[in-house]
Amino acid sequence: MKEYLKYQRKASRIELFIRIIYLIPILLIIHVYTILAGICHLIQWFIVLIFGFRNKYLSKFVQGYVKYIISVLAYSHNLSDERPKILPKPYRIFFEKEE
């Protein structure tokens, strides 16, 4: 797993200005992604309540959302100069053993 919150002493002044423009499309995508992740989270809650287990695909979708938000927050709060991708990529947080 990549460490987004690792301290970096060196900072780019030019990146500060690029950051403002770069975050505009990301914030639009995050808005849509937040709505979808919220719906998935609500559906997951009902699945756990009724059936007593978690849906694998809903969990992975919400985990990908959390990972993407962390990378964007690290960039937008000047903790890192590494730009997150505009479109989120699928993330694997847990490596499961296939049986």
Protein backbone atom coordinates (compact mmCIF):
# COMPACT_ATOMS: atom_id res chain seq x y z
CA MET A 1 0.00 0.00 0.00
CA LYS A 2 1.29 3.44 -0.89
CA GLU A 3 1.91 5.78 2.01
CA TYR A 4 0.19 9.08 1.19
CA LEU A 5 0.71 10.76 4.54
CA LYS A 6 4.48 10.36 4.66
CA TYR A 7 6.26 13.61 5.55
CA GLN A 8 7.91 15.32 2.59
CA ARG A 9 10.17 18.30 3.31
CA LYS A 10 10.59 19.47 -0.29
CA ALA A 11 7.61 21.33 -1.76
CA SER A 12 7.06 22.83 -5.18
CA ARG A 13 5.79 26.41 -5.40
CA ILE A 14 4.51 25.87 -8.93
CA GLU A 15 2.55 22.85 -7.76
CA LEU A 16 0.57 25.11 -5.40
CA PHE A 17 -0.94 26.94 -8.36
CA ILE A 18 -1.44 23.81 -10.45
CA ARG A 19 -3.19 22.17 -7.50
CA ILE A 20 -6.08 24.67 -7.57
CA ILE A 21 -6.92 24.01 -11.22
CA TYR A 22 -6.26 20.27 -10.99
CA LEU A 23 -8.66 19.79 -8.07
CA ILE A 24 -11.71 21.20 -9.90
CA PRO A 25 -12.48 18.07 -12.00
CA ILE A 26 -11.46 15.82 -9.10
CA LEU A 27 -13.97 17.50 -6.79
CA LEU A 28 -16.74 16.96 -9.35
CA ILE A 29 -15.87 13.27 -9.58
CA ILE A 30 -15.65 12.97 -5.79
CA HIS A 31 -19.15 14.41 -5.50
CA VAL A 32 -20.60 11.68 -7.72
CA TYR A 33 -18.40 9.00 -6.12
CA THR A 34 -19.57 10.06 -2.63
CA ILE A 35 -23.22 9.66 -3.62
CA LEU A 36 -22.58 6.21 -5.10
CA ALA A 37 -20.49 5.08 -2.12
CA GLY A 38 -23.21 6.29 0.25
CA ILE A 39 -25.83 4.26 -1.62
CA CYS A 40 -23.56 1.19 -1.55
CA HIS A 41 -22.94 1.69 2.15
CA LEU A 42 -26.69 1.89 2.85
CA ILE A 43 -27.36 -1.27 0.80
CA GLN A 44 -24.50 -3.03 2.60
CA TRP A 45 -26.01 -2.05 5.96
CA PHE A 46 -29.31 -3.70 5.02
CA ILE A 47 -27.55 -6.81 3.70
CA VAL A 48 -25.68 -7.21 7.00
CA LEU A 49 -28.86 -6.58 8.99
CA ILE A 50 -30.98 -9.07 7.05
CA PHE A 51 -28.52 -11.78 5.97
CA GLY A 52 -25.64 -11.44 8.45
CA PHE A 53 -22.80 -11.16 5.93
CA ARG A 54 -21.17 -8.52 3.73
CA ASN A 55 -21.33 -8.30 -0.03
CA LYS A 56 -17.80 -8.51 -1.44
CA TYR A 57 -18.37 -6.12 -4.35
CA LEU A 58 -20.07 -3.43 -2.30
CA SER A 59 -17.23 -3.61 0.22
CA LYS A 60 -14.58 -3.25 -2.49
CA PHE A 61 -16.41 -0.27 -3.99
CA VAL A 62 -16.58 1.57 -0.66
CA GLN A 63 -12.95 0.64 0.15
CA GLY A 64 -11.87 2.08 -3.21
CA TYR A 65 -13.76 5.27 -2.37
CA VAL A 66 -12.01 5.61 0.99
CA LYS A 67 -8.60 5.03 -0.59
CA TYR A 68 -9.26 7.60 -3.32
CA ILE A 69 -10.46 10.20 -0.81
CA ILE A 70 -7.29 9.71 1.27
CA SER A 71 -5.06 10.28 -1.77
CA VAL A 72 -7.00 13.40 -2.79
CA LEU A 73 -7.00 14.80 0.76
CA ALA A 74 -3.25 14.32 1.07
CA TYR A 75 -2.77 16.29 -2.16
CA SER A 76 -5.36 19.00 -1.46
CA HIS A 77 -4.10 19.66 2.08
CA ASN A 78 -0.50 20.15 0.90
CA LEU A 79 0.76 16.97 2.54
CA SER A 80 2.05 15.61 -0.75
CA ASP A 81 2.99 16.93 -4.19
CA GLU A 82 2.02 13.62 -5.78
CA ARG A 83 -1.08 14.22 -7.88
CA PRO A 84 -3.87 11.68 -7.58
CA LYS A 85 -5.38 10.46 -10.82
CA ILE A 86 -8.46 12.35 -11.91
CA LEU A 87 -10.49 9.16 -12.29
CA PRO A 88 -10.19 6.73 -9.40
CA LYS A 89 -8.71 3.35 -10.15
CA PRO A 90 -9.94 0.13 -8.59
CA TYR A 91 -8.10 -0.60 -5.36
CA ARG A 92 -7.47 -3.88 -3.59
CA ILE A 93 -7.05 -3.31 0.12
CA PHE A 94 -7.41 -6.89 1.31
CA PHE A 95 -5.71 -9.70 -0.51
CA GLU A 96 -7.97 -12.68 -0.19
CA LYS A 97 -6.96 -16.24 -0.78
CA GLU A 98 -9.11 -17.77 -3.52
CA GLU A 99 -10.39 -21.21 -2.57
